[in-house]
Every structure is written in C-alpha cells, then in structure tokens.
Amino acid sequence: MKKILLSFALIFSLTQTQAQENNIQLKGTVVDTVAQYVYLQKFHNKMFTTIDSVKVKDGNFSFKTKVKTPELYGLSVNTAQSPLYIFLEKGPISVKLNPKKYYSNSVVEGSASQDLFEAYKKSNDIEISKFITEHPASIVSAYVLYRNWSYRLTPEQITQNIALLDKNLQSSTYVKELKELAIVLDGLAIGKKAPDFTANNPDGKPVRFSENLKGYTLVDFWASWCGPCRRENPNIVAAYKEFHDKGFNIIGISLDKKKENWVKGIQDDHLDWTHVSDLLFWNSAVAKLYGVRAIPANYLVDPNGIIVARNLHGEELQTTLKSLLGNKS
C-alpha cells in the first residue's frame, strides 16, 4: 500500500494546481436503485448541500456544472443520506454510482485525487506528516488533515503540518479553517479558562454556562445520531451517579439537527443533567467555540472554570474524578 501511495506523488507534483472554476465533465450510471435523480453536493464543515441535480435517463446521468476543482464533492440519489465522497478535477470523470452499503461499491474513474483518497482510506498505517510530505500539492492532503487529523493533533502539530502543504493550498478553505482551529485550541489548553457561552435547553430557555458551573463540570459534546456517543453515554451516566453528590456535574451540548431526536436521546440514555443545543449540527456555535471537530468530546472544568482535562472517556473519566473527588464525603 505504501508503494501505491508513493506512486501518486509524481502525478500530483505535476498535475495539482490552485483550485479554479471549471465546467466538470462528469457522467455515469446508477445501479441497484430506481432513483430518478442524481444530486451533486458541495462539502463544507463536514456537511453537504445540493448545488445541482440531473434526471437519470436509461440508467445514465451527466453533469457539466461549473464548480471549483480540484475539490471534494458528494454524489447522491437521496439528499437525506450521506453521499459518495468524490474528488472532482479537470477532465472527464466517470462513475458507477451504487447507493447500497453507503456507496462503498461505487467506482470512480478519471480522478487522480479520488485514486489517492481511496488508497489513503485503505491504508491502516498512515502518518499524516509523511503523507503530506509525499503529496504536498494534493487537495487530498489538505482535506484529510482537516477532516481526519485535526481533532487528534495539538495546535503546534496542526501548524507544523500546514507548513508542509504546497503554497497553492495555503489559501484553501481547509487550511484557513485549520489555522483558525489552531488558535482556538491554543486557548483551550489545560490550565486555561473555559469559554463562557449561552444556549437554549430543550424547553427553549437560555442557559449560561458560567451560571451553572457547580463543582467539577464536564462540558460534554454529543448527538443522538452519533453511535460512539451513545455507546459512551452509559460510562458518563455511571460517573454521574457515583460522583454527583461529591461535586461532579455535567452540561451536555448536542450537535443534533432535530429537537425530537435530541430529546428522545436524552430520555432513552437517562442523561439526567443540564442540556443545551442550537440544533445546528456541525455549525454549532458552542462546538466551534470549543474547537470540537469530532464527537464524543469533552472538557473537564474545575469550580473556578479552569480546564483540568480533555476528552476523558471510559475508565479514564472515572479514574480522574476519583483522584479529584474520591476522598470527599
């Protein structure tokens, strides 16, 4: 696999340039579906919005939309579901679009960026700095740093990896947002003051964080649609039951989109603490304030509002609370 990734390095050093507006040459067939339309979607902030659609004729479709390339887009037969992630670039691209199994059996031909992206997904031993060094001019490098690595790295590591990217990518949306993220995360280091915020609870009433800071407080980011969050919730519930009377509290910030799903998730998982949400998915203002790029995520804050830990999950949350509150009656 490493040889495959390396083989793309020369291709990208010769072909990748700064993103420009082009009329794409995108055509394909749809299989295992009776869908009548194919939707072209633009990616931003881990979300997709539809920018064009075409009618399927005899199982075929074709787009000639003017879009910025090279760049990541989505192809879908149902805008309510996640699309096929596809890197479009100048030149003819063909797609066999199969919506079954989250489009995993779809085939894209004609996009070197897509080839690199598929190779990246299949490799289990990628080191991001090495990957960027091998493909510094590829939009894929900027994307995976933004999408798959930003939440794992320190502000210093984010900045160091940005510096490895080609100058033509420095003005990309990914790099701009990564630079902003590095600044935000630097202000959220252990020992610094947790940012204050106000958001509405399920009853629509505003809740101010600083006015609900009682004892040690876990600022917990989750969503009802997030499988890992729901699997982690029993651990958080157990910690709350054991340490709440000793001075442990929680404020849950949901990245849900629909109130009914959010409220049902709270009830089903027995999350008996304060909850807030602006129901804006990844556009959540509080998530942006706290540099949250993946969930579940959390910050543990002391009674004075100082951050003492970050991303405590499973037994680590219990162990930390025991060290802070275990001897209190």
C-alpha atoms as a PDB file:
ATOM      1  CA  MET A   1       0.000   0.000   0.000  1.00  0.00           C
ATOM      2  CA  LYS A   2       2.850   2.379   0.753  1.00  0.00           C
ATOM      3  CA  LYS A   3       4.197   1.774  -2.760  1.00  0.00           C
ATOM      4  CA  ILE A   4       0.764   2.658  -4.175  1.00  0.00           C
ATOM      5  CA  LEU A   5       0.679   5.910  -2.226  1.00  0.00           C
ATOM      6  CA  LEU A   6       4.207   6.780  -3.272  1.00  0.00           C
ATOM      7  CA  SER A   7       3.384   6.154  -6.909  1.00  0.00           C
ATOM      8  CA  PHE A   8       0.896   9.010  -6.811  1.00  0.00           C
ATOM      9  CA  ALA A   9       3.479  11.518  -5.585  1.00  0.00           C
ATOM     10  CA  LEU A  10       4.910  12.219  -9.039  1.00  0.00           C
ATOM     11  CA  ILE A  11       1.427  12.520 -10.543  1.00  0.00           C
ATOM     12  CA  PHE A  12       0.401  15.163  -8.055  1.00  0.00           C
ATOM     13  CA  SER A  13       3.632  17.102  -8.231  1.00  0.00           C
ATOM     14  CA  LEU A  14       2.942  17.539 -11.946  1.00  0.00           C
ATOM     15  CA  THR A  15      -0.836  17.985 -12.042  1.00  0.00           C
ATOM     16  CA  GLN A  16      -2.095  19.687  -8.878  1.00  0.00           C
ATOM     17  CA  THR A  17      -2.595  23.442  -9.163  1.00  0.00           C
ATOM     18  CA  GLN A  18      -4.547  26.044  -7.286  1.00  0.00           C
ATOM     19  CA  ALA A  19      -8.303  25.347  -7.366  1.00  0.00           C
ATOM     20  CA  GLN A  20     -10.117  27.050 -10.239  1.00  0.00           C
ATOM     21  CA  GLU A  21     -13.681  27.244 -11.571  1.00  0.00           C
ATOM     22  CA  ASN A  22     -14.240  24.710 -14.357  1.00  0.00           C
ATOM     23  CA  ASN A  23     -17.147  23.047 -16.101  1.00  0.00           C
ATOM     24  CA  ILE A  24     -16.837  19.460 -14.948  1.00  0.00           C
ATOM     25  CA  GLN A  25     -17.108  16.510 -17.311  1.00  0.00           C
ATOM     26  CA  LEU A  26     -18.867  14.067 -15.030  1.00  0.00           C
ATOM     27  CA  LYS A  27     -21.000  11.229 -16.290  1.00  0.00           C
ATOM     28  CA  GLY A  28     -22.027   7.837 -15.019  1.00  0.00           C
ATOM     29  CA  THR A  29     -24.567   5.115 -14.456  1.00  0.00           C
ATOM     30  CA  VAL A  30     -26.701   4.256 -11.455  1.00  0.00           C
ATOM     31  CA  VAL A  31     -27.055   0.649 -10.315  1.00  0.00           C
ATOM     32  CA  ASP A  32     -29.154  -1.168  -7.708  1.00  0.00           C
ATOM     33  CA  THR A  33     -31.596   1.728  -7.449  1.00  0.00           C
ATOM     34  CA  VAL A  34     -34.726   3.086  -9.096  1.00  0.00           C
ATOM     35  CA  ALA A  35     -33.747   6.676  -8.299  1.00  0.00           C
ATOM     36  CA  GLN A  36     -34.852   9.246 -10.849  1.00  0.00           C
ATOM     37  CA  TYR A  37     -32.334  11.952  -9.971  1.00  0.00           C
ATOM     38  CA  VAL A  38     -28.662  12.242  -9.074  1.00  0.00           C
ATOM     39  CA  TYR A  39     -27.630  15.170  -6.876  1.00  0.00           C
ATOM     40  CA  LEU A  40     -24.284  16.971  -6.906  1.00  0.00           C
ATOM     41  CA  GLN A  41     -23.419  18.297  -3.461  1.00  0.00           C
ATOM     42  CA  LYS A  42     -20.817  20.708  -2.120  1.00  0.00           C
ATOM     43  CA  PHE A  43     -18.841  19.827   1.008  1.00  0.00           C
ATOM     44  CA  HIS A  44     -18.355  22.337   3.821  1.00  0.00           C
ATOM     45  CA  ASN A  45     -17.830  21.873   7.561  1.00  0.00           C
ATOM     46  CA  LYS A  46     -18.479  18.113   7.414  1.00  0.00           C
ATOM     47  CA  MET A  47     -21.840  18.739   5.705  1.00  0.00           C
ATOM     48  CA  PHE A  48     -23.125  18.558   2.142  1.00  0.00           C
ATOM     49  CA  THR A  49     -25.509  20.951   0.382  1.00  0.00           C
ATOM     50  CA  THR A  50     -27.035  20.296  -3.040  1.00  0.00           C
ATOM     51  CA  ILE A  51     -25.796  22.566  -5.833  1.00  0.00           C
ATOM     52  CA  ASP A  52     -27.197  20.764  -8.892  1.00  0.00           C
ATOM     53  CA  SER A  53     -29.279  17.767  -9.937  1.00  0.00           C
ATOM     54  CA  VAL A  54     -29.871  15.833 -13.164  1.00  0.00           C
ATOM     55  CA  LYS A  55     -32.520  13.351 -14.210  1.00  0.00           C
ATOM     56  CA  VAL A  56     -31.467   9.757 -14.720  1.00  0.00           C
ATOM     57  CA  LYS A  57     -32.211   8.578 -18.273  1.00  0.00           C
ATOM     58  CA  ASP A  58     -31.983   4.886 -19.096  1.00  0.00           C
ATOM     59  CA  GLY A  59     -29.736   4.440 -16.063  1.00  0.00           C
ATOM     60  CA  ASN A  60     -27.325   7.211 -17.116  1.00  0.00           C
ATOM     61  CA  PHE A  61     -26.588  10.719 -15.838  1.00  0.00           C
ATOM     62  CA  SER A  62     -24.259  13.584 -16.759  1.00  0.00           C
ATOM     63  CA  PHE A  63     -23.149  16.839 -15.120  1.00  0.00           C
ATOM     64  CA  LYS A  64     -21.472  19.837 -16.764  1.00  0.00           C
ATOM     65  CA  THR A  65     -21.801  22.112 -13.755  1.00  0.00           C
ATOM     66  CA  LYS A  66     -19.257  24.876 -13.220  1.00  0.00           C
ATOM     67  CA  VAL A  67     -17.525  24.206  -9.911  1.00  0.00           C
ATOM     68  CA  LYS A  68     -14.189  24.761  -8.227  1.00  0.00           C
ATOM     69  CA  THR A  69     -11.699  21.951  -8.911  1.00  0.00           C
ATOM     70  CA  PRO A  70      -9.823  20.057  -7.645  1.00  0.00           C
ATOM     71  CA  GLU A  71     -12.159  19.740  -4.672  1.00  0.00           C
ATOM     72  CA  LEU A  72     -14.294  17.298  -2.703  1.00  0.00           C
ATOM     73  CA  TYR A  73     -17.972  16.945  -3.613  1.00  0.00           C
ATOM     74  CA  GLY A  74     -20.775  14.468  -2.978  1.00  0.00           C
ATOM     75  CA  LEU A  75     -22.905  12.415  -5.382  1.00  0.00           C
ATOM     76  CA  SER A  76     -26.196  11.091  -4.084  1.00  0.00           C
ATOM     77  CA  VAL A  77     -29.547   9.684  -5.136  1.00  0.00           C
ATOM     78  CA  ASN A  78     -31.056  10.720  -1.789  1.00  0.00           C
ATOM     79  CA  THR A  79     -30.127  14.029  -0.157  1.00  0.00           C
ATOM     80  CA  ALA A  80     -31.348  12.786   3.228  1.00  0.00           C
ATOM     81  CA  GLN A  81     -28.470  10.306   3.360  1.00  0.00           C
ATOM     82  CA  SER A  82     -24.680  10.594   3.219  1.00  0.00           C
ATOM     83  CA  PRO A  83     -23.391  10.761  -0.384  1.00  0.00           C
ATOM     84  CA  LEU A  84     -20.495   9.216  -2.242  1.00  0.00           C
ATOM     85  CA  TYR A  85     -17.426  11.310  -1.425  1.00  0.00           C
ATOM     86  CA  ILE A  86     -15.844  12.205  -4.766  1.00  0.00           C
ATOM     87  CA  PHE A  87     -12.873  14.417  -5.605  1.00  0.00           C
ATOM     88  CA  LEU A  88     -13.612  16.217  -8.857  1.00  0.00           C
ATOM     89  CA  GLU A  89     -10.912  17.697 -11.074  1.00  0.00           C
ATOM     90  CA  LYS A  90     -10.466  18.958 -14.602  1.00  0.00           C
ATOM     91  CA  GLY A  91     -11.004  16.326 -17.284  1.00  0.00           C
ATOM     92  CA  PRO A  92     -13.548  13.545 -17.909  1.00  0.00           C
ATOM     93  CA  ILE A  93     -14.634  11.502 -14.883  1.00  0.00           C
ATOM     94  CA  SER A  94     -16.970   8.510 -14.955  1.00  0.00           C
ATOM     95  CA  VAL A  95     -18.866   6.981 -12.037  1.00  0.00           C
ATOM     96  CA  LYS A  96     -20.770   3.775 -11.413  1.00  0.00           C
ATOM     97  CA  LEU A  97     -22.999   5.032  -8.619  1.00  0.00           C
ATOM     98  CA  ASN A  98     -24.295   2.334  -6.282  1.00  0.00           C
ATOM     99  CA  PRO A  99     -26.095   3.629  -3.177  1.00  0.00           C
ATOM    100  CA  LYS A 100     -26.053   0.277  -1.380  1.00  0.00           C
ATOM    101  CA  LYS A 101     -23.761  -0.059   1.644  1.00  0.00           C
ATOM    102  CA  TYR A 102     -23.162   3.708   1.831  1.00  0.00           C
ATOM    103  CA  TYR A 103     -21.907   3.834  -1.786  1.00  0.00           C
ATOM    104  CA  SER A 104     -18.983   1.578  -0.877  1.00  0.00           C
ATOM    105  CA  ASN A 105     -19.368  -0.422  -4.113  1.00  0.00           C
ATOM    106  CA  SER A 106     -19.348   2.670  -6.329  1.00  0.00           C
ATOM    107  CA  VAL A 107     -16.498   3.074  -8.818  1.00  0.00           C
ATOM    108  CA  VAL A 108     -14.882   6.356  -9.887  1.00  0.00           C
ATOM    109  CA  GLU A 109     -12.530   6.594 -12.867  1.00  0.00           C
ATOM    110  CA  GLY A 110     -10.591   9.563 -14.225  1.00  0.00           C
ATOM    111  CA  SER A 111      -9.776  11.395 -10.979  1.00  0.00           C
ATOM    112  CA  ALA A 112      -6.225  11.039  -9.681  1.00  0.00           C
ATOM    113  CA  SER A 113      -7.322  12.798  -6.497  1.00  0.00           C
ATOM    114  CA  GLN A 114     -10.003  10.172  -5.958  1.00  0.00           C
ATOM    115  CA  ASP A 115      -7.462   7.395  -6.549  1.00  0.00           C
ATOM    116  CA  LEU A 116      -5.231   8.845  -3.858  1.00  0.00           C
ATOM    117  CA  PHE A 117      -8.170   9.282  -1.497  1.00  0.00           C
ATOM    118  CA  GLU A 118      -9.221   5.641  -1.948  1.00  0.00           C
ATOM    119  CA  ALA A 119      -5.645   4.478  -1.361  1.00  0.00           C
ATOM    120  CA  TYR A 120      -5.476   6.596   1.799  1.00  0.00           C
ATOM    121  CA  LYS A 121      -8.696   5.046   3.144  1.00  0.00           C
ATOM    122  CA  LYS A 122      -7.390   1.517   2.594  1.00  0.00           C
ATOM    123  CA  SER A 123      -4.117   2.074   4.429  1.00  0.00           C
ATOM    124  CA  ASN A 124      -4.027   1.453   8.184  1.00  0.00           C
ATOM    125  CA  ASP A 125      -0.563   2.821   8.933  1.00  0.00           C
ATOM    126  CA  ILE A 126      -0.686   6.369   7.581  1.00  0.00           C
ATOM    127  CA  GLU A 127       1.355   9.000   9.402  1.00  0.00           C
ATOM    128  CA  ILE A 128      -0.099  12.360   8.400  1.00  0.00           C
ATOM    129  CA  SER A 129       3.154  14.323   8.183  1.00  0.00           C
ATOM    130  CA  LYS A 130       4.684  11.648   5.945  1.00  0.00           C
ATOM    131  CA  PHE A 131       1.555  11.536   3.782  1.00  0.00           C
ATOM    132  CA  ILE A 132       1.587  15.311   3.294  1.00  0.00           C
ATOM    133  CA  THR A 133       5.318  15.304   2.544  1.00  0.00           C
ATOM    134  CA  GLU A 134       4.717  12.719  -0.189  1.00  0.00           C
ATOM    135  CA  HIS A 135       1.715  14.618  -1.608  1.00  0.00           C
ATOM    136  CA  PRO A 136       2.207  18.288  -0.657  1.00  0.00           C
ATOM    137  CA  ALA A 137       0.257  19.740  -3.616  1.00  0.00           C
ATOM    138  CA  SER A 138      -2.752  17.406  -3.389  1.00  0.00           C
ATOM    139  CA  ILE A 139      -6.096  18.694  -2.199  1.00  0.00           C
ATOM    140  CA  VAL A 140      -6.477  15.264  -0.581  1.00  0.00           C
ATOM    141  CA  SER A 141      -3.628  16.061   1.827  1.00  0.00           C
ATOM    142  CA  ALA A 142      -5.324  19.282   2.922  1.00  0.00           C
ATOM    143  CA  TYR A 143      -8.665  17.515   3.261  1.00  0.00           C
ATOM    144  CA  VAL A 144      -7.514  14.549   5.365  1.00  0.00           C
ATOM    145  CA  LEU A 145      -5.510  16.863   7.631  1.00  0.00           C
ATOM    146  CA  TYR A 146      -8.672  18.926   8.154  1.00  0.00           C
ATOM    147  CA  ARG A 147     -11.195  16.089   8.317  1.00  0.00           C
ATOM    148  CA  ASN A 148      -9.378  13.093   9.786  1.00  0.00           C
ATOM    149  CA  TRP A 149      -6.497  14.504  11.814  1.00  0.00           C
ATOM    150  CA  SER A 150      -7.302  17.965  13.166  1.00  0.00           C
ATOM    151  CA  TYR A 151      -9.081  16.600  16.256  1.00  0.00           C
ATOM    152  CA  ARG A 152      -6.126  14.312  17.082  1.00  0.00           C
ATOM    153  CA  LEU A 153      -3.413  16.974  16.909  1.00  0.00           C
ATOM    154  CA  THR A 154      -2.154  19.748  19.155  1.00  0.00           C
ATOM    155  CA  PRO A 155      -2.233  23.334  17.863  1.00  0.00           C
ATOM    156  CA  GLU A 156       1.518  23.095  17.274  1.00  0.00           C
ATOM    157  CA  GLN A 157       1.155  19.881  15.257  1.00  0.00           C
ATOM    158  CA  ILE A 158      -1.627  21.383  13.150  1.00  0.00           C
ATOM    159  CA  THR A 159       0.567  24.374  12.335  1.00  0.00           C
ATOM    160  CA  GLN A 160       3.546  22.167  11.533  1.00  0.00           C
ATOM    161  CA  ASN A 161       1.516  20.059   9.116  1.00  0.00           C
ATOM    162  CA  ILE A 162       0.010  23.103   7.427  1.00  0.00           C
ATOM    163  CA  ALA A 163       3.563  24.271   6.689  1.00  0.00           C
ATOM    164  CA  LEU A 164       4.194  21.033   4.771  1.00  0.00           C
ATOM    165  CA  LEU A 165       1.430  21.792   2.277  1.00  0.00           C
ATOM    166  CA  ASP A 166       2.196  23.416  -1.076  1.00  0.00           C
ATOM    167  CA  LYS A 167       1.780  27.185  -1.277  1.00  0.00           C
ATOM    168  CA  ASN A 168      -1.141  26.756  -3.701  1.00  0.00           C
ATOM    169  CA  LEU A 169      -3.121  25.078  -0.906  1.00  0.00           C
ATOM    170  CA  GLN A 170      -2.448  27.754   1.700  1.00  0.00           C
ATOM    171  CA  SER A 171      -5.479  29.760   0.531  1.00  0.00           C
ATOM    172  CA  SER A 172      -7.813  26.737   0.542  1.00  0.00           C
ATOM    173  CA  THR A 173     -10.824  26.637   2.856  1.00  0.00           C
ATOM    174  CA  TYR A 174      -9.327  23.655   4.681  1.00  0.00           C
ATOM    175  CA  VAL A 175      -6.127  25.485   5.578  1.00  0.00           C
ATOM    176  CA  LYS A 176      -7.949  28.663   6.560  1.00  0.00           C
ATOM    177  CA  GLU A 177     -10.176  26.716   8.956  1.00  0.00           C
ATOM    178  CA  LEU A 178      -7.237  24.720  10.307  1.00  0.00           C
ATOM    179  CA  LYS A 179      -5.380  27.936  11.126  1.00  0.00           C
ATOM    180  CA  GLU A 180      -8.434  29.248  12.975  1.00  0.00           C
ATOM    181  CA  LEU A 181      -8.775  25.929  14.801  1.00  0.00           C
ATOM    182  CA  ALA A 182      -5.152  26.018  15.960  1.00  0.00           C
ATOM    183  CA  ILE A 183      -5.753  29.432  17.516  1.00  0.00           C
ATOM    184  CA  VAL A 184      -8.935  28.236  19.251  1.00  0.00           C
ATOM    185  CA  LEU A 185      -7.301  25.077  20.607  1.00  0.00           C
ATOM    186  CA  ASP A 186      -4.331  27.046  21.898  1.00  0.00           C
ATOM    187  CA  GLY A 187      -6.755  28.999  24.075  1.00  0.00           C
ATOM    188  CA  LEU A 188      -8.260  25.762  25.397  1.00  0.00           C
ATOM    189  CA  ALA A 189      -5.120  24.231  26.842  1.00  0.00           C
ATOM    190  CA  ILE A 190      -5.091  22.643  30.287  1.00  0.00           C
ATOM    191  CA  GLY A 191      -4.909  25.422  32.883  1.00  0.00           C
ATOM    192  CA  LYS A 192      -6.769  27.990  30.795  1.00  0.00           C
ATOM    193  CA  LYS A 193     -10.224  29.429  31.406  1.00  0.00           C
ATOM    194  CA  ALA A 194     -13.091  27.609  29.703  1.00  0.00           C
ATOM    195  CA  PRO A 195     -15.023  29.935  27.373  1.00  0.00           C
ATOM    196  CA  ASP A 196     -18.409  31.057  28.593  1.00  0.00           C
ATOM    197  CA  PHE A 197     -21.477  30.521  26.421  1.00  0.00           C
ATOM    198  CA  THR A 198     -25.258  30.690  26.431  1.00  0.00           C
ATOM    199  CA  ALA A 199     -27.516  28.233  24.623  1.00  0.00           C
ATOM    200  CA  ASN A 200     -31.105  27.025  24.901  1.00  0.00           C
ATOM    201  CA  ASN A 201     -32.251  23.973  26.821  1.00  0.00           C
ATOM    202  CA  PRO A 202     -34.951  21.621  25.421  1.00  0.00           C
ATOM    203  CA  ASP A 203     -37.647  23.967  26.773  1.00  0.00           C
ATOM    204  CA  GLY A 204     -36.202  26.834  24.736  1.00  0.00           C
ATOM    205  CA  LYS A 205     -34.880  28.655  27.794  1.00  0.00           C
ATOM    206  CA  PRO A 206     -31.344  30.140  27.678  1.00  0.00           C
ATOM    207  CA  VAL A 207     -28.726  28.539  29.918  1.00  0.00           C
ATOM    208  CA  ARG A 208     -25.472  30.346  30.678  1.00  0.00           C
ATOM    209  CA  PHE A 209     -22.536  28.050  31.349  1.00  0.00           C
ATOM    210  CA  SER A 210     -20.824  30.267  33.944  1.00  0.00           C
ATOM    211  CA  GLU A 211     -24.042  30.471  35.973  1.00  0.00           C
ATOM    212  CA  ASN A 212     -24.334  26.682  36.075  1.00  0.00           C
ATOM    213  CA  LEU A 213     -20.727  25.950  36.998  1.00  0.00           C
ATOM    214  CA  LYS A 214     -21.041  23.893  40.163  1.00  0.00           C
ATOM    215  CA  GLY A 215     -18.083  21.863  41.383  1.00  0.00           C
ATOM    216  CA  TYR A 216     -16.197  19.989  38.678  1.00  0.00           C
ATOM    217  CA  THR A 217     -18.194  20.180  35.445  1.00  0.00           C
ATOM    218  CA  LEU A 218     -17.925  18.047  32.331  1.00  0.00           C
ATOM    219  CA  VAL A 219     -18.679  20.026  29.168  1.00  0.00           C
ATOM    220  CA  ASP A 220     -19.847  17.089  27.072  1.00  0.00           C
ATOM    221  CA  PHE A 221     -20.353  17.262  23.285  1.00  0.00           C
ATOM    222  CA  TRP A 222     -22.546  14.563  21.774  1.00  0.00           C
ATOM    223  CA  ALA A 223     -25.534  13.946  19.459  1.00  0.00           C
ATOM    224  CA  SER A 224     -28.345  11.414  19.247  1.00  0.00           C
ATOM    225  CA  TRP A 225     -27.167  10.420  15.738  1.00  0.00           C
ATOM    226  CA  CYS A 226     -23.607   9.705  16.951  1.00  0.00           C
ATOM    227  CA  GLY A 227     -23.084   5.974  17.547  1.00  0.00           C
ATOM    228  CA  PRO A 228     -19.835   6.348  19.539  1.00  0.00           C
ATOM    229  CA  CYS A 229     -21.531   8.988  21.705  1.00  0.00           C
ATOM    230  CA  ARG A 230     -24.439   6.713  22.526  1.00  0.00           C
ATOM    231  CA  ARG A 231     -22.056   3.882  23.382  1.00  0.00           C
ATOM    232  CA  GLU A 232     -20.097   6.200  25.679  1.00  0.00           C
ATOM    233  CA  ASN A 233     -23.184   7.559  27.456  1.00  0.00           C
ATOM    234  CA  PRO A 234     -23.522   4.636  29.914  1.00  0.00           C
ATOM    235  CA  ASN A 235     -19.975   5.404  31.150  1.00  0.00           C
ATOM    236  CA  ILE A 236     -20.894   9.048  31.689  1.00  0.00           C
ATOM    237  CA  VAL A 237     -24.130   8.093  33.445  1.00  0.00           C
ATOM    238  CA  ALA A 238     -22.206   5.773  35.793  1.00  0.00           C
ATOM    239  CA  ALA A 239     -19.711   8.530  36.599  1.00  0.00           C
ATOM    240  CA  TYR A 240     -22.531  10.995  37.252  1.00  0.00           C
ATOM    241  CA  LYS A 241     -24.291   8.607  39.635  1.00  0.00           C
ATOM    242  CA  GLU A 242     -21.104   7.899  41.559  1.00  0.00           C
ATOM    243  CA  PHE A 243     -19.689  11.409  41.831  1.00  0.00           C
ATOM    244  CA  HIS A 244     -22.591  13.859  41.508  1.00  0.00           C
ATOM    245  CA  ASP A 245     -23.128  14.037  45.275  1.00  0.00           C
ATOM    246  CA  LYS A 246     -19.405  14.683  45.685  1.00  0.00           C
ATOM    247  CA  GLY A 247     -19.390  17.739  43.433  1.00  0.00           C
ATOM    248  CA  PHE A 248     -19.495  16.477  39.834  1.00  0.00           C
ATOM    249  CA  ASN A 249     -21.875  17.992  37.276  1.00  0.00           C
ATOM    250  CA  ILE A 250     -22.379  17.807  33.541  1.00  0.00           C
ATOM    251  CA  ILE A 251     -23.647  20.134  30.843  1.00  0.00           C
ATOM    252  CA  GLY A 252     -24.414  18.354  27.576  1.00  0.00           C
ATOM    253  CA  ILE A 253     -24.052  20.193  24.271  1.00  0.00           C
ATOM    254  CA  SER A 254     -25.818  18.386  21.449  1.00  0.00           C
ATOM    255  CA  LEU A 255     -24.948  18.650  17.752  1.00  0.00           C
ATOM    256  CA  ASP A 256     -28.372  17.367  16.816  1.00  0.00           C
ATOM    257  CA  LYS A 257     -30.440  18.773  13.963  1.00  0.00           C
ATOM    258  CA  LYS A 258     -33.930  17.877  15.181  1.00  0.00           C
ATOM    259  CA  LYS A 259     -35.281  18.630  18.641  1.00  0.00           C
ATOM    260  CA  GLU A 260     -37.353  15.445  18.833  1.00  0.00           C
ATOM    261  CA  ASN A 261     -34.292  13.255  18.210  1.00  0.00           C
ATOM    262  CA  TRP A 262     -32.271  15.211  20.778  1.00  0.00           C
ATOM    263  CA  VAL A 263     -34.935  14.940  23.491  1.00  0.00           C
ATOM    264  CA  LYS A 264     -35.518  11.241  22.786  1.00  0.00           C
ATOM    265  CA  GLY A 265     -31.761  10.585  23.041  1.00  0.00           C
ATOM    266  CA  ILE A 266     -31.671  12.307  26.440  1.00  0.00           C
ATOM    267  CA  GLN A 267     -34.607  10.248  27.685  1.00  0.00           C
ATOM    268  CA  ASP A 268     -33.502   6.912  26.230  1.00  0.00           C
ATOM    269  CA  ASP A 269     -29.967   7.193  27.639  1.00  0.00           C
ATOM    270  CA  HIS A 270     -31.121   8.575  31.023  1.00  0.00           C
ATOM    271  CA  LEU A 271     -28.959  11.677  30.818  1.00  0.00           C
ATOM    272  CA  ASP A 272     -30.250  13.414  33.932  1.00  0.00           C
ATOM    273  CA  TRP A 273     -28.294  16.657  33.752  1.00  0.00           C
ATOM    274  CA  THR A 274     -28.411  20.052  32.038  1.00  0.00           C
ATOM    275  CA  HIS A 275     -28.631  20.008  28.236  1.00  0.00           C
ATOM    276  CA  VAL A 276     -28.378  22.720  25.589  1.00  0.00           C
ATOM    277  CA  SER A 277     -28.271  22.880  21.799  1.00  0.00           C
ATOM    278  CA  ASP A 278     -28.736  25.317  18.932  1.00  0.00           C
ATOM    279  CA  LEU A 279     -29.724  22.356  16.700  1.00  0.00           C
ATOM    280  CA  LEU A 280     -27.267  23.441  14.013  1.00  0.00           C
ATOM    281  CA  PHE A 281     -25.374  20.169  13.550  1.00  0.00           C
ATOM    282  CA  TRP A 282     -21.697  20.920  12.792  1.00  0.00           C
ATOM    283  CA  ASN A 283     -22.494  24.638  12.637  1.00  0.00           C
ATOM    284  CA  SER A 284     -22.980  24.569  16.412  1.00  0.00           C
ATOM    285  CA  ALA A 285     -21.632  27.815  17.841  1.00  0.00           C
ATOM    286  CA  VAL A 286     -20.544  26.166  21.100  1.00  0.00           C
ATOM    287  CA  ALA A 287     -18.744  23.360  19.248  1.00  0.00           C
ATOM    288  CA  LYS A 288     -16.835  25.962  17.240  1.00  0.00           C
ATOM    289  CA  LEU A 289     -16.043  27.907  20.420  1.00  0.00           C
ATOM    290  CA  TYR A 290     -14.500  24.766  21.918  1.00  0.00           C
ATOM    291  CA  GLY A 291     -12.720  23.609  18.750  1.00  0.00           C
ATOM    292  CA  VAL A 292     -14.767  20.397  18.542  1.00  0.00           C
ATOM    293  CA  ARG A 293     -14.180  18.589  15.239  1.00  0.00           C
ATOM    294  CA  ALA A 294     -15.325  15.106  16.285  1.00  0.00           C
ATOM    295  CA  ILE A 295     -17.673  13.680  18.886  1.00  0.00           C
ATOM    296  CA  PRO A 296     -17.864  12.405  21.570  1.00  0.00           C
ATOM    297  CA  ALA A 297     -15.648  15.119  23.004  1.00  0.00           C
ATOM    298  CA  ASN A 298     -15.479  16.798  26.390  1.00  0.00           C
ATOM    299  CA  TYR A 299     -13.665  19.191  28.693  1.00  0.00           C
ATOM    300  CA  LEU A 300     -13.482  18.809  32.474  1.00  0.00           C
ATOM    301  CA  VAL A 301     -13.589  22.188  34.218  1.00  0.00           C
ATOM    302  CA  ASP A 302     -12.855  22.915  37.882  1.00  0.00           C
ATOM    303  CA  PRO A 303     -15.087  25.063  40.166  1.00  0.00           C
ATOM    304  CA  ASN A 304     -13.238  28.203  39.029  1.00  0.00           C
ATOM    305  CA  GLY A 305     -13.853  27.478  35.343  1.00  0.00           C
ATOM    306  CA  ILE A 306     -10.306  26.300  34.644  1.00  0.00           C
ATOM    307  CA  ILE A 307      -9.826  23.413  32.222  1.00  0.00           C
ATOM    308  CA  VAL A 308      -8.234  20.456  34.012  1.00  0.00           C
ATOM    309  CA  ALA A 309      -8.653  17.672  31.416  1.00  0.00           C
ATOM    310  CA  ARG A 310      -9.883  16.977  27.905  1.00  0.00           C
ATOM    311  CA  ASN A 311     -11.552  14.026  26.190  1.00  0.00           C
ATOM    312  CA  LEU A 312     -11.941  11.731  29.168  1.00  0.00           C
ATOM    313  CA  HIS A 313     -13.695   8.535  28.127  1.00  0.00           C
ATOM    314  CA  GLY A 314     -14.476   5.190  29.724  1.00  0.00           C
ATOM    315  CA  GLU A 315     -12.445   4.320  32.806  1.00  0.00           C
ATOM    316  CA  GLU A 316     -10.271   7.404  32.354  1.00  0.00           C
ATOM    317  CA  LEU A 317     -13.194   9.631  33.348  1.00  0.00           C
ATOM    318  CA  GLN A 318     -13.850   7.537  36.458  1.00  0.00           C
ATOM    319  CA  THR A 319     -10.163   7.483  37.422  1.00  0.00           C
ATOM    320  CA  THR A 320      -9.791  11.258  37.025  1.00  0.00           C
ATOM    321  CA  LEU A 321     -12.902  12.014  39.056  1.00  0.00           C
ATOM    322  CA  LYS A 322     -11.799   9.606  41.779  1.00  0.00           C
ATOM    323  CA  SER A 323      -8.474  11.425  42.055  1.00  0.00           C
ATOM    324  CA  LEU A 324     -10.254  14.782  42.309  1.00  0.00           C
ATOM    325  CA  LEU A 325     -13.328  13.865  44.335  1.00  0.00           C
ATOM    326  CA  GLY A 326     -12.819  10.362  45.711  1.00  0.00           C
ATOM    327  CA  ASN A 327     -11.987  11.416  49.246  1.00  0.00           C
ATOM    328  CA  LYS A 328     -14.834  13.872  49.589  1.00  0.00           C
ATOM    329  CA  SER A 329     -17.957  12.921  51.545  1.00  0.00           C
END
